[in-house]
Amino acid sequence: MIKNILFDIGSVLLQFDREATIREYSCYSGIAAPAELAFESVFLPGQWQKMETGEMKSEEYYELFIKASGCRISFRHFCLIWCMHFREDREMIALGRALASKFKLYFLSNTGPLHIPGLYDRFPSLLFFHGQALSWDLGVLKPDPAFFARALDKFSLRAPECLFIDDQLCNVETARALGIQSIQHLSAEKTAAAISAALDLDGASPEL
């Protein structure tokens, strides 16, 4: 029986506007009429993943970012921009709140140390979660099977008792292979219907 629901957070509960983040950094590129920075000069290939697994400190990433982008910006300002372009998906958060009245909810996220501190201060609507498993804390990224194994172990959860929701198919497929019933998030309406169907089959469906 499903007892726990595991949510990805980015592109599921919170939407992150990468383009707006790039535009914001572009204003500090030191050029009189700045062109928009290249995606790769902000989200440095192979480097932001190191930050999200704890291999690289935020300050180290900042130094690489400054060299790649030419931006004239303090570390504090860099951090503020990195975190500012999130918005709530109100339908999904309402769905999460409804589920939290019947199940234990956890969020499982590929993320670095910059996004999480202060998350609940900025988005108190997320306070219904029982815990969080983060890549930079676990030392590995989804879809690596070790991510899911460590997340389950952290909360002493059993795979057959969990339902996982994520927007990335590769993450969903890995979780399924490990015995975790999983749903790919495509829209709030489709995800709510898929969760209801999964819980109906399991005999545990609340009113959503």
N, C-alpha and C. Protein backbone atom coordinates (compact mmCIF):
# COMPACT_ATOMS: atom_id res chain seq x y z
N MET A 1 0.84 -1.20 0.00
CA MET A 1 0.00 0.00 0.00
C MET A 1 0.88 1.25 0.00
N ILE A 2 0.46 2.25 -0.78
CA ILE A 2 1.20 3.51 -0.84
C ILE A 2 1.03 4.26 0.48
N LYS A 3 2.16 4.59 1.09
CA LYS A 3 2.17 5.36 2.33
C LYS A 3 2.89 6.70 2.18
N ASN A 4 3.75 6.78 1.16
CA ASN A 4 4.61 7.95 1.00
C ASN A 4 4.58 8.43 -0.45
N ILE A 5 4.55 9.74 -0.62
CA ILE A 5 4.58 10.31 -1.97
C ILE A 5 5.81 11.20 -2.08
N LEU A 6 6.59 10.94 -3.13
CA LEU A 6 7.88 11.60 -3.34
C LEU A 6 7.76 12.53 -4.54
N PHE A 7 7.99 13.80 -4.32
CA PHE A 7 7.86 14.80 -5.38
C PHE A 7 9.23 15.36 -5.77
N ASP A 8 9.47 15.43 -7.07
CA ASP A 8 10.50 16.35 -7.55
C ASP A 8 9.96 17.75 -7.29
N ILE A 9 10.85 18.73 -7.20
CA ILE A 9 10.35 20.08 -6.93
C ILE A 9 10.44 20.99 -8.16
N GLY A 10 11.61 21.03 -8.83
CA GLY A 10 11.76 21.89 -9.99
C GLY A 10 10.96 21.39 -11.18
N SER A 11 10.19 22.28 -11.80
CA SER A 11 9.32 21.97 -12.94
C SER A 11 8.14 21.09 -12.56
N VAL A 12 7.94 20.89 -11.26
CA VAL A 12 6.77 20.16 -10.78
C VAL A 12 5.99 21.05 -9.81
N LEU A 13 6.60 21.40 -8.70
CA LEU A 13 5.95 22.28 -7.72
C LEU A 13 6.37 23.74 -7.89
N LEU A 14 7.61 23.93 -8.30
CA LEU A 14 8.12 25.28 -8.58
C LEU A 14 8.65 25.30 -10.01
N GLN A 15 8.35 26.36 -10.72
CA GLN A 15 8.86 26.54 -12.08
C GLN A 15 10.06 27.49 -12.02
N PHE A 16 11.15 27.08 -12.66
CA PHE A 16 12.37 27.88 -12.68
C PHE A 16 12.57 28.45 -14.08
N ASP A 17 12.67 29.77 -14.17
CA ASP A 17 12.82 30.45 -15.45
C ASP A 17 14.30 30.67 -15.74
N ARG A 18 14.92 29.73 -16.44
CA ARG A 18 16.35 29.84 -16.76
C ARG A 18 16.64 31.04 -17.66
N GLU A 19 15.74 31.31 -18.60
CA GLU A 19 15.96 32.42 -19.53
C GLU A 19 15.97 33.76 -18.78
N ALA A 20 15.05 33.91 -17.81
CA ALA A 20 15.02 35.15 -17.03
C ALA A 20 16.28 35.29 -16.19
N THR A 21 16.79 34.17 -15.69
CA THR A 21 18.03 34.18 -14.91
C THR A 21 19.19 34.65 -15.78
N ILE A 22 19.27 34.12 -17.00
CA ILE A 22 20.34 34.52 -17.92
C ILE A 22 20.23 36.00 -18.27
N ARG A 23 19.01 36.47 -18.52
CA ARG A 23 18.82 37.89 -18.84
C ARG A 23 19.27 38.78 -17.68
N GLU A 24 18.97 38.35 -16.46
CA GLU A 24 19.35 39.13 -15.29
C GLU A 24 20.87 39.23 -15.17
N TYR A 25 21.55 38.10 -15.32
CA TYR A 25 23.02 38.13 -15.27
C TYR A 25 23.60 38.97 -16.41
N SER A 26 22.94 38.95 -17.56
CA SER A 26 23.45 39.68 -18.72
C SER A 26 23.55 41.18 -18.46
N CYS A 27 22.74 41.68 -17.54
CA CYS A 27 22.77 43.11 -17.21
C CYS A 27 24.08 43.50 -16.51
N TYR A 28 24.83 42.50 -16.05
CA TYR A 28 26.07 42.77 -15.30
C TYR A 28 27.30 42.28 -16.06
N SER A 29 27.15 42.17 -17.38
CA SER A 29 28.26 41.63 -18.18
C SER A 29 29.34 42.65 -18.46
N GLY A 30 29.12 43.92 -18.09
CA GLY A 30 30.15 44.94 -18.28
C GLY A 30 30.17 45.54 -19.66
N ILE A 31 29.19 45.19 -20.50
CA ILE A 31 29.11 45.73 -21.85
C ILE A 31 28.04 46.82 -21.86
N ALA A 32 28.30 47.91 -22.57
CA ALA A 32 27.38 49.05 -22.55
C ALA A 32 25.98 48.66 -23.02
N ALA A 33 25.91 47.88 -24.10
CA ALA A 33 24.62 47.39 -24.59
C ALA A 33 24.71 45.87 -24.63
N PRO A 34 24.58 45.23 -23.48
CA PRO A 34 24.90 43.80 -23.39
C PRO A 34 23.97 42.91 -24.20
N ALA A 35 24.59 41.99 -24.92
CA ALA A 35 23.82 40.92 -25.53
C ALA A 35 23.54 39.88 -24.45
N GLU A 36 22.55 39.05 -24.69
CA GLU A 36 22.24 38.03 -23.70
C GLU A 36 23.37 37.01 -23.63
N LEU A 37 23.76 36.68 -22.42
CA LEU A 37 24.83 35.70 -22.23
C LEU A 37 24.41 34.34 -22.78
N ALA A 38 25.39 33.58 -23.22
CA ALA A 38 25.12 32.22 -23.67
C ALA A 38 24.72 31.35 -22.48
N PHE A 39 23.83 30.40 -22.72
CA PHE A 39 23.39 29.48 -21.67
C PHE A 39 24.59 28.85 -20.98
N GLU A 40 25.59 28.45 -21.79
CA GLU A 40 26.75 27.72 -21.25
C GLU A 40 27.66 28.59 -20.39
N SER A 41 27.53 29.92 -20.49
CA SER A 41 28.37 30.78 -19.65
C SER A 41 27.73 31.06 -18.30
N VAL A 42 26.48 30.64 -18.13
CA VAL A 42 25.79 30.77 -16.84
C VAL A 42 25.68 29.40 -16.18
N PHE A 43 25.11 28.45 -16.92
CA PHE A 43 24.99 27.07 -16.42
C PHE A 43 26.14 26.27 -17.03
N LEU A 44 27.28 26.37 -16.39
CA LEU A 44 28.53 25.86 -16.96
C LEU A 44 28.48 24.34 -17.12
N PRO A 45 28.65 23.83 -18.34
CA PRO A 45 28.55 22.38 -18.57
C PRO A 45 29.54 21.60 -17.70
N GLY A 46 29.02 20.60 -17.02
CA GLY A 46 29.85 19.74 -16.19
C GLY A 46 30.21 20.34 -14.85
N GLN A 47 29.96 21.64 -14.66
CA GLN A 47 30.36 22.31 -13.42
C GLN A 47 29.20 22.47 -12.45
N TRP A 48 28.02 22.91 -12.96
CA TRP A 48 26.90 23.06 -12.04
C TRP A 48 26.48 21.71 -11.48
N GLN A 49 26.73 20.62 -12.26
CA GLN A 49 26.44 19.29 -11.73
C GLN A 49 27.34 18.97 -10.53
N LYS A 50 28.59 19.43 -10.59
CA LYS A 50 29.50 19.21 -9.46
C LYS A 50 29.01 19.96 -8.22
N MET A 51 28.46 21.15 -8.42
CA MET A 51 27.91 21.89 -7.29
C MET A 51 26.70 21.15 -6.73
N GLU A 52 25.91 20.53 -7.61
CA GLU A 52 24.70 19.85 -7.16
C GLU A 52 24.97 18.48 -6.54
N THR A 53 26.20 17.98 -6.63
CA THR A 53 26.54 16.74 -5.93
C THR A 53 27.46 17.01 -4.75
N GLY A 54 27.73 18.28 -4.47
CA GLY A 54 28.58 18.62 -3.34
C GLY A 54 30.07 18.52 -3.62
N GLU A 55 30.44 18.23 -4.88
CA GLU A 55 31.86 18.15 -5.23
C GLU A 55 32.50 19.53 -5.30
N MET A 56 31.70 20.55 -5.56
CA MET A 56 32.20 21.91 -5.73
C MET A 56 31.42 22.86 -4.84
N LYS A 57 32.12 23.74 -4.16
CA LYS A 57 31.47 24.74 -3.33
C LYS A 57 30.87 25.84 -4.20
N SER A 58 29.85 26.50 -3.68
CA SER A 58 29.20 27.58 -4.41
C SER A 58 30.18 28.68 -4.78
N GLU A 59 31.11 28.97 -3.88
CA GLU A 59 32.09 30.02 -4.13
C GLU A 59 33.01 29.66 -5.30
N GLU A 60 33.33 28.37 -5.42
CA GLU A 60 34.16 27.92 -6.53
C GLU A 60 33.41 28.05 -7.85
N TYR A 61 32.13 27.70 -7.83
CA TYR A 61 31.33 27.84 -9.05
C TYR A 61 31.23 29.31 -9.44
N TYR A 62 31.05 30.17 -8.47
CA TYR A 62 30.97 31.61 -8.73
C TYR A 62 32.23 32.11 -9.44
N GLU A 63 33.39 31.68 -9.00
CA GLU A 63 34.64 32.11 -9.63
C GLU A 63 34.71 31.66 -11.09
N LEU A 64 34.28 30.43 -11.35
CA LEU A 64 34.25 29.94 -12.73
C LEU A 64 33.24 30.71 -13.58
N PHE A 65 32.10 31.02 -12.97
CA PHE A 65 31.06 31.79 -13.66
C PHE A 65 31.58 33.17 -14.06
N ILE A 66 32.28 33.84 -13.16
CA ILE A 66 32.81 35.17 -13.44
C ILE A 66 33.77 35.12 -14.63
N LYS A 67 34.62 34.11 -14.66
CA LYS A 67 35.57 33.97 -15.77
C LYS A 67 34.86 33.68 -17.09
N ALA A 68 33.84 32.83 -17.05
CA ALA A 68 33.15 32.43 -18.27
C ALA A 68 32.23 33.51 -18.82
N SER A 69 31.61 34.28 -17.92
CA SER A 69 30.59 35.24 -18.35
C SER A 69 31.10 36.67 -18.47
N GLY A 70 32.17 36.99 -17.73
CA GLY A 70 32.65 38.37 -17.70
C GLY A 70 31.80 39.28 -16.84
N CYS A 71 30.87 38.72 -16.09
CA CYS A 71 29.99 39.54 -15.25
C CYS A 71 30.78 40.21 -14.13
N ARG A 72 30.35 41.42 -13.81
CA ARG A 72 30.91 42.17 -12.69
C ARG A 72 29.86 42.18 -11.59
N ILE A 73 29.96 41.23 -10.71
CA ILE A 73 28.90 41.02 -9.73
C ILE A 73 29.49 40.34 -8.50
N SER A 74 29.01 40.72 -7.33
CA SER A 74 29.51 40.12 -6.09
C SER A 74 28.95 38.71 -5.92
N PHE A 75 29.58 37.93 -5.06
CA PHE A 75 29.09 36.59 -4.79
C PHE A 75 27.67 36.64 -4.21
N ARG A 76 27.43 37.58 -3.32
CA ARG A 76 26.10 37.70 -2.71
C ARG A 76 25.04 37.99 -3.77
N HIS A 77 25.36 38.91 -4.69
CA HIS A 77 24.42 39.27 -5.75
C HIS A 77 24.22 38.09 -6.71
N PHE A 78 25.30 37.39 -7.00
CA PHE A 78 25.22 36.18 -7.82
C PHE A 78 24.22 35.19 -7.22
N CYS A 79 24.32 34.98 -5.91
CA CYS A 79 23.43 34.03 -5.22
C CYS A 79 21.98 34.49 -5.28
N LEU A 80 21.75 35.78 -5.10
CA LEU A 80 20.38 36.30 -5.14
C LEU A 80 19.73 36.05 -6.49
N ILE A 81 20.46 36.33 -7.57
CA ILE A 81 19.91 36.12 -8.91
C ILE A 81 19.70 34.64 -9.18
N TRP A 82 20.63 33.80 -8.75
CA TRP A 82 20.54 32.35 -8.97
C TRP A 82 19.23 31.80 -8.40
N CYS A 83 18.73 32.43 -7.34
CA CYS A 83 17.57 31.88 -6.62
C CYS A 83 16.27 32.63 -6.88
N MET A 84 16.30 33.74 -7.61
CA MET A 84 15.14 34.63 -7.60
C MET A 84 14.05 34.26 -8.61
N HIS A 85 14.38 33.52 -9.66
CA HIS A 85 13.40 33.33 -10.73
C HIS A 85 12.65 32.00 -10.61
N PHE A 86 12.05 31.80 -9.45
CA PHE A 86 11.16 30.68 -9.21
C PHE A 86 9.74 31.21 -9.04
N ARG A 87 8.77 30.41 -9.45
CA ARG A 87 7.38 30.75 -9.15
C ARG A 87 6.63 29.46 -8.82
N GLU A 88 5.62 29.60 -8.00
CA GLU A 88 4.83 28.45 -7.58
C GLU A 88 3.94 27.94 -8.71
N ASP A 89 3.78 26.63 -8.78
CA ASP A 89 2.71 26.04 -9.57
C ASP A 89 1.57 25.81 -8.59
N ARG A 90 0.63 26.72 -8.55
CA ARG A 90 -0.39 26.70 -7.49
C ARG A 90 -1.26 25.46 -7.54
N GLU A 91 -1.54 24.97 -8.74
CA GLU A 91 -2.36 23.76 -8.85
C GLU A 91 -1.64 22.56 -8.25
N MET A 92 -0.34 22.45 -8.53
CA MET A 92 0.42 21.31 -8.00
C MET A 92 0.62 21.42 -6.49
N ILE A 93 0.81 22.63 -6.01
CA ILE A 93 0.97 22.81 -4.57
C ILE A 93 -0.34 22.49 -3.85
N ALA A 94 -1.47 22.88 -4.44
CA ALA A 94 -2.77 22.53 -3.85
C ALA A 94 -2.95 21.01 -3.84
N LEU A 95 -2.51 20.35 -4.90
CA LEU A 95 -2.58 18.89 -4.95
C LEU A 95 -1.71 18.28 -3.85
N GLY A 96 -0.52 18.82 -3.68
CA GLY A 96 0.37 18.33 -2.63
C GLY A 96 -0.25 18.49 -1.25
N ARG A 97 -0.88 19.63 -1.01
CA ARG A 97 -1.52 19.85 0.29
C ARG A 97 -2.63 18.83 0.55
N ALA A 98 -3.41 18.54 -0.49
CA ALA A 98 -4.48 17.55 -0.35
C ALA A 98 -3.91 16.18 -0.01
N LEU A 99 -2.82 15.82 -0.67
CA LEU A 99 -2.20 14.52 -0.42
C LEU A 99 -1.57 14.45 0.97
N ALA A 100 -1.05 15.59 1.44
CA ALA A 100 -0.36 15.62 2.73
C ALA A 100 -1.29 15.32 3.90
N SER A 101 -2.59 15.42 3.69
CA SER A 101 -3.53 15.10 4.76
C SER A 101 -3.68 13.60 4.95
N LYS A 102 -3.20 12.81 3.97
CA LYS A 102 -3.36 11.36 4.03
C LYS A 102 -2.04 10.59 3.99
N PHE A 103 -0.99 11.22 3.45
CA PHE A 103 0.27 10.53 3.22
C PHE A 103 1.43 11.38 3.74
N LYS A 104 2.57 10.73 3.92
CA LYS A 104 3.79 11.46 4.19
C LYS A 104 4.41 11.87 2.85
N LEU A 105 4.76 13.15 2.74
CA LEU A 105 5.32 13.67 1.50
C LEU A 105 6.78 14.07 1.69
N TYR A 106 7.59 13.75 0.70
CA TYR A 106 9.01 14.11 0.70
C TYR A 106 9.35 14.69 -0.66
N PHE A 107 10.30 15.63 -0.69
CA PHE A 107 10.73 16.04 -2.02
C PHE A 107 12.16 15.60 -2.28
N LEU A 108 12.36 15.13 -3.52
CA LEU A 108 13.63 14.58 -3.99
C LEU A 108 14.10 15.45 -5.14
N SER A 109 15.23 16.12 -4.96
CA SER A 109 15.61 17.13 -5.94
C SER A 109 17.10 17.10 -6.27
N ASN A 110 17.40 17.29 -7.55
CA ASN A 110 18.76 17.61 -7.98
C ASN A 110 18.94 19.11 -7.76
N THR A 111 19.72 19.47 -6.78
CA THR A 111 19.89 20.89 -6.49
C THR A 111 21.16 21.11 -5.69
N GLY A 112 21.70 22.31 -5.82
CA GLY A 112 22.88 22.69 -5.06
C GLY A 112 22.51 23.42 -3.79
N PRO A 113 23.51 23.87 -3.04
CA PRO A 113 23.26 24.50 -1.74
C PRO A 113 22.67 25.90 -1.82
N LEU A 114 22.64 26.51 -3.01
CA LEU A 114 22.13 27.88 -3.11
C LEU A 114 20.61 27.96 -3.07
N HIS A 115 19.93 26.98 -3.67
CA HIS A 115 18.48 27.08 -3.81
C HIS A 115 17.71 26.75 -2.54
N ILE A 116 18.25 25.86 -1.71
CA ILE A 116 17.44 25.33 -0.62
C ILE A 116 17.38 26.22 0.62
N PRO A 117 18.49 26.80 1.11
CA PRO A 117 18.37 27.67 2.29
C PRO A 117 17.36 28.80 2.04
N GLY A 118 16.44 28.94 2.92
CA GLY A 118 15.43 29.99 2.77
C GLY A 118 14.27 29.61 1.88
N LEU A 119 14.26 28.37 1.35
CA LEU A 119 13.18 27.96 0.44
C LEU A 119 11.81 28.09 1.11
N TYR A 120 11.71 27.61 2.35
CA TYR A 120 10.42 27.64 3.02
C TYR A 120 10.04 29.05 3.47
N ASP A 121 11.05 29.92 3.64
CA ASP A 121 10.74 31.32 3.93
C ASP A 121 10.12 31.99 2.71
N ARG A 122 10.65 31.67 1.54
CA ARG A 122 10.15 32.27 0.30
C ARG A 122 8.84 31.62 -0.15
N PHE A 123 8.72 30.31 0.12
CA PHE A 123 7.54 29.58 -0.32
C PHE A 123 6.95 28.79 0.86
N PRO A 124 6.32 29.49 1.81
CA PRO A 124 5.74 28.79 2.97
C PRO A 124 4.64 27.82 2.57
N SER A 125 4.16 27.93 1.33
CA SER A 125 3.15 27.00 0.83
C SER A 125 3.68 25.58 0.74
N LEU A 126 5.02 25.40 0.84
CA LEU A 126 5.62 24.07 0.75
C LEU A 126 5.84 23.41 2.11
N LEU A 127 5.32 24.00 3.16
CA LEU A 127 5.60 23.51 4.50
C LEU A 127 4.91 22.19 4.85
N PHE A 128 4.19 21.61 3.91
CA PHE A 128 3.52 20.34 4.18
C PHE A 128 4.44 19.13 4.00
N PHE A 129 5.69 19.33 3.56
CA PHE A 129 6.60 18.21 3.35
C PHE A 129 7.18 17.71 4.68
N HIS A 130 7.37 16.39 4.75
CA HIS A 130 7.95 15.78 5.95
C HIS A 130 9.48 15.76 5.91
N GLY A 131 10.06 15.86 4.72
CA GLY A 131 11.51 15.81 4.62
C GLY A 131 11.97 16.03 3.19
N GLN A 132 13.27 16.17 3.01
CA GLN A 132 13.83 16.43 1.69
C GLN A 132 15.11 15.62 1.49
N ALA A 133 15.25 15.08 0.29
CA ALA A 133 16.47 14.37 -0.10
C ALA A 133 17.05 15.13 -1.28
N LEU A 134 18.24 15.69 -1.08
CA LEU A 134 18.84 16.60 -2.06
C LEU A 134 20.13 16.03 -2.59
N SER A 135 20.37 16.23 -3.88
CA SER A 135 21.54 15.63 -4.52
C SER A 135 22.84 16.09 -3.87
N TRP A 136 22.93 17.36 -3.48
CA TRP A 136 24.20 17.84 -2.92
C TRP A 136 24.45 17.27 -1.54
N ASP A 137 23.38 16.81 -0.88
CA ASP A 137 23.51 16.15 0.42
C ASP A 137 23.78 14.66 0.24
N LEU A 138 23.13 14.05 -0.77
CA LEU A 138 23.29 12.61 -1.02
C LEU A 138 24.56 12.30 -1.80
N GLY A 139 25.12 13.30 -2.49
CA GLY A 139 26.36 13.10 -3.24
C GLY A 139 26.18 12.46 -4.59
N VAL A 140 24.96 12.49 -5.12
CA VAL A 140 24.68 11.85 -6.41
C VAL A 140 23.42 12.47 -7.01
N LEU A 141 23.34 12.49 -8.34
CA LEU A 141 22.21 13.08 -9.05
C LEU A 141 21.24 12.02 -9.54
N LYS A 142 19.95 12.37 -9.58
CA LYS A 142 19.02 11.58 -10.37
C LYS A 142 19.46 11.68 -11.83
N PRO A 143 19.37 10.64 -12.64
CA PRO A 143 18.65 9.39 -12.41
C PRO A 143 19.52 8.23 -11.90
N ASP A 144 20.66 8.52 -11.32
CA ASP A 144 21.50 7.44 -10.79
C ASP A 144 20.69 6.63 -9.76
N PRO A 145 20.65 5.31 -9.88
CA PRO A 145 19.91 4.50 -8.91
C PRO A 145 20.34 4.75 -7.46
N ALA A 146 21.62 5.14 -7.28
CA ALA A 146 22.11 5.39 -5.93
C ALA A 146 21.37 6.55 -5.27
N PHE A 147 20.92 7.52 -6.08
CA PHE A 147 20.16 8.64 -5.52
C PHE A 147 18.92 8.12 -4.81
N PHE A 148 18.17 7.26 -5.50
CA PHE A 148 16.92 6.75 -4.93
C PHE A 148 17.18 5.84 -3.74
N ALA A 149 18.21 5.02 -3.85
CA ALA A 149 18.55 4.12 -2.74
C ALA A 149 18.90 4.92 -1.49
N ARG A 150 19.68 5.97 -1.66
CA ARG A 150 20.07 6.79 -0.51
C ARG A 150 18.90 7.59 0.05
N ALA A 151 18.02 8.05 -0.85
CA ALA A 151 16.84 8.80 -0.39
C ALA A 151 15.91 7.91 0.42
N LEU A 152 15.66 6.70 -0.06
CA LEU A 152 14.81 5.78 0.68
C LEU A 152 15.44 5.43 2.03
N ASP A 153 16.74 5.21 2.01
CA ASP A 153 17.44 4.85 3.25
C ASP A 153 17.40 6.00 4.25
N LYS A 154 17.50 7.22 3.76
CA LYS A 154 17.50 8.39 4.65
C LYS A 154 16.24 8.45 5.49
N PHE A 155 15.10 8.09 4.90
CA PHE A 155 13.82 8.19 5.60
C PHE A 155 13.27 6.82 6.02
N SER A 156 14.08 5.77 5.82
CA SER A 156 13.65 4.40 6.16
C SER A 156 12.35 4.03 5.44
N LEU A 157 12.31 4.31 4.14
CA LEU A 157 11.13 4.02 3.32
C LEU A 157 11.35 2.75 2.52
N ARG A 158 10.24 2.07 2.21
CA ARG A 158 10.27 0.89 1.35
C ARG A 158 9.74 1.26 -0.03
N ALA A 159 10.44 0.83 -1.07
CA ALA A 159 10.07 1.20 -2.44
C ALA A 159 8.61 0.90 -2.78
N PRO A 160 8.06 -0.29 -2.44
CA PRO A 160 6.67 -0.58 -2.81
C PRO A 160 5.64 0.31 -2.11
N GLU A 161 6.07 1.02 -1.09
CA GLU A 161 5.15 1.88 -0.34
C GLU A 161 5.23 3.35 -0.78
N CYS A 162 5.95 3.59 -1.90
CA CYS A 162 6.18 4.96 -2.36
C CYS A 162 5.61 5.18 -3.76
N LEU A 163 5.17 6.41 -3.99
CA LEU A 163 4.75 6.88 -5.31
C LEU A 163 5.59 8.11 -5.61
N PHE A 164 6.23 8.13 -6.79
CA PHE A 164 7.19 9.17 -7.15
C PHE A 164 6.67 9.96 -8.34
N ILE A 165 6.78 11.30 -8.27
CA ILE A 165 6.35 12.19 -9.36
C ILE A 165 7.53 13.05 -9.77
N ASP A 166 7.85 13.03 -11.08
CA ASP A 166 8.99 13.79 -11.60
C ASP A 166 8.69 14.15 -13.05
N ASP A 167 9.20 15.29 -13.51
CA ASP A 167 8.95 15.70 -14.90
C ASP A 167 9.88 15.01 -15.89
N GLN A 168 11.01 14.47 -15.42
CA GLN A 168 11.98 13.86 -16.33
C GLN A 168 11.75 12.36 -16.46
N LEU A 169 11.54 11.91 -17.69
CA LEU A 169 11.25 10.50 -17.93
C LEU A 169 12.37 9.59 -17.45
N CYS A 170 13.63 10.02 -17.62
CA CYS A 170 14.75 9.17 -17.19
C CYS A 170 14.71 8.91 -15.69
N ASN A 171 14.28 9.91 -14.91
CA ASN A 171 14.17 9.72 -13.46
C ASN A 171 13.03 8.77 -13.12
N VAL A 172 11.93 8.93 -13.83
CA VAL A 172 10.76 8.07 -13.62
C VAL A 172 11.09 6.62 -13.94
N GLU A 173 11.79 6.41 -15.05
CA GLU A 173 12.12 5.04 -15.47
C GLU A 173 13.07 4.37 -14.48
N THR A 174 14.04 5.12 -13.95
CA THR A 174 14.96 4.54 -12.96
C THR A 174 14.21 4.17 -11.70
N ALA A 175 13.34 5.06 -11.23
CA ALA A 175 12.57 4.77 -10.02
C ALA A 175 11.70 3.53 -10.21
N ARG A 176 11.07 3.42 -11.37
CA ARG A 176 10.24 2.24 -11.64
C ARG A 176 11.06 0.97 -11.60
N ALA A 177 12.26 1.03 -12.18
CA ALA A 177 13.13 -0.15 -12.20
C ALA A 177 13.52 -0.59 -10.80
N LEU A 178 13.46 0.34 -9.85
CA LEU A 178 13.80 0.04 -8.46
C LEU A 178 12.57 -0.36 -7.64
N GLY A 179 11.43 -0.48 -8.31
CA GLY A 179 10.21 -0.92 -7.62
C GLY A 179 9.38 0.20 -7.04
N ILE A 180 9.68 1.45 -7.42
CA ILE A 180 8.90 2.60 -6.95
C ILE A 180 7.87 2.95 -8.02
N GLN A 181 6.61 2.89 -7.68
CA GLN A 181 5.58 3.29 -8.63
C GLN A 181 5.78 4.77 -8.96
N SER A 182 5.78 5.13 -10.26
CA SER A 182 6.21 6.47 -10.65
C SER A 182 5.33 7.05 -11.75
N ILE A 183 5.24 8.38 -11.74
CA ILE A 183 4.42 9.13 -12.70
C ILE A 183 5.27 10.24 -13.28
N GLN A 184 5.24 10.37 -14.61
CA GLN A 184 5.91 11.51 -15.24
C GLN A 184 4.94 12.69 -15.23
N HIS A 185 5.38 13.79 -14.64
CA HIS A 185 4.55 15.00 -14.57
C HIS A 185 4.56 15.72 -15.91
N LEU A 186 3.37 15.88 -16.50
CA LEU A 186 3.22 16.61 -17.75
C LEU A 186 2.37 17.87 -17.57
N SER A 187 1.38 17.78 -16.70
CA SER A 187 0.53 18.92 -16.36
C SER A 187 -0.14 18.60 -15.04
N ALA A 188 -0.64 19.63 -14.37
CA ALA A 188 -1.30 19.42 -13.08
C ALA A 188 -2.51 18.50 -13.24
N GLU A 189 -3.27 18.72 -14.30
CA GLU A 189 -4.48 17.92 -14.52
C GLU A 189 -4.14 16.45 -14.75
N LYS A 190 -3.15 16.20 -15.62
CA LYS A 190 -2.78 14.81 -15.92
C LYS A 190 -2.14 14.13 -14.72
N THR A 191 -1.33 14.87 -13.97
CA THR A 191 -0.69 14.28 -12.80
C THR A 191 -1.70 13.95 -11.72
N ALA A 192 -2.66 14.85 -11.49
CA ALA A 192 -3.70 14.57 -10.49
C ALA A 192 -4.50 13.33 -10.87
N ALA A 193 -4.82 13.19 -12.16
CA ALA A 193 -5.57 12.02 -12.61
C ALA A 193 -4.75 10.75 -12.45
N ALA A 194 -3.45 10.83 -12.78
CA ALA A 194 -2.59 9.65 -12.66
C ALA A 194 -2.39 9.24 -11.21
N ILE A 195 -2.26 10.23 -10.32
CA ILE A 195 -2.13 9.92 -8.89
C ILE A 195 -3.40 9.27 -8.37
N SER A 196 -4.55 9.83 -8.74
CA SER A 196 -5.83 9.26 -8.30
C SER A 196 -5.97 7.82 -8.78
N ALA A 197 -5.60 7.59 -10.05
CA ALA A 197 -5.70 6.23 -10.60
C ALA A 197 -4.78 5.28 -9.85
N ALA A 198 -3.55 5.72 -9.58
CA ALA A 198 -2.59 4.86 -8.87
C ALA A 198 -3.08 4.55 -7.46
N LEU A 199 -3.63 5.54 -6.78
CA LEU A 199 -4.08 5.33 -5.41
C LEU A 199 -5.39 4.55 -5.36
N ASP A 200 -6.24 4.70 -6.39
CA ASP A 200 -7.46 3.90 -6.47
C ASP A 200 -7.13 2.42 -6.58
N LEU A 201 -6.16 2.11 -7.45
CA LEU A 201 -5.74 0.72 -7.61
C LEU A 201 -5.15 0.17 -6.32
N ASP A 202 -4.52 1.07 -5.58
CA ASP A 202 -3.87 0.68 -4.33
C ASP A 202 -4.85 0.66 -3.16
N GLY A 203 -6.04 1.20 -3.38
CA GLY A 203 -7.03 1.25 -2.31
C GLY A 203 -6.76 2.33 -1.29
N ALA A 204 -6.01 3.36 -1.69
CA ALA A 204 -5.62 4.39 -0.72
C ALA A 204 -5.97 5.79 -1.17
N SER A 205 -6.85 5.93 -2.15
CA SER A 205 -7.07 7.24 -2.76
C SER A 205 -7.86 8.18 -1.86
N PRO A 206 -7.31 9.41 -1.64
CA PRO A 206 -8.09 10.45 -0.97
C PRO A 206 -8.90 11.20 -2.01
N GLU A 207 -9.73 12.12 -1.58
CA GLU A 207 -10.42 12.98 -2.52
C GLU A 207 -9.47 14.09 -2.94
N LEU A 208 -9.19 14.17 -4.26
CA LEU A 208 -8.26 15.19 -4.76
C LEU A 208 -9.04 16.27 -5.50
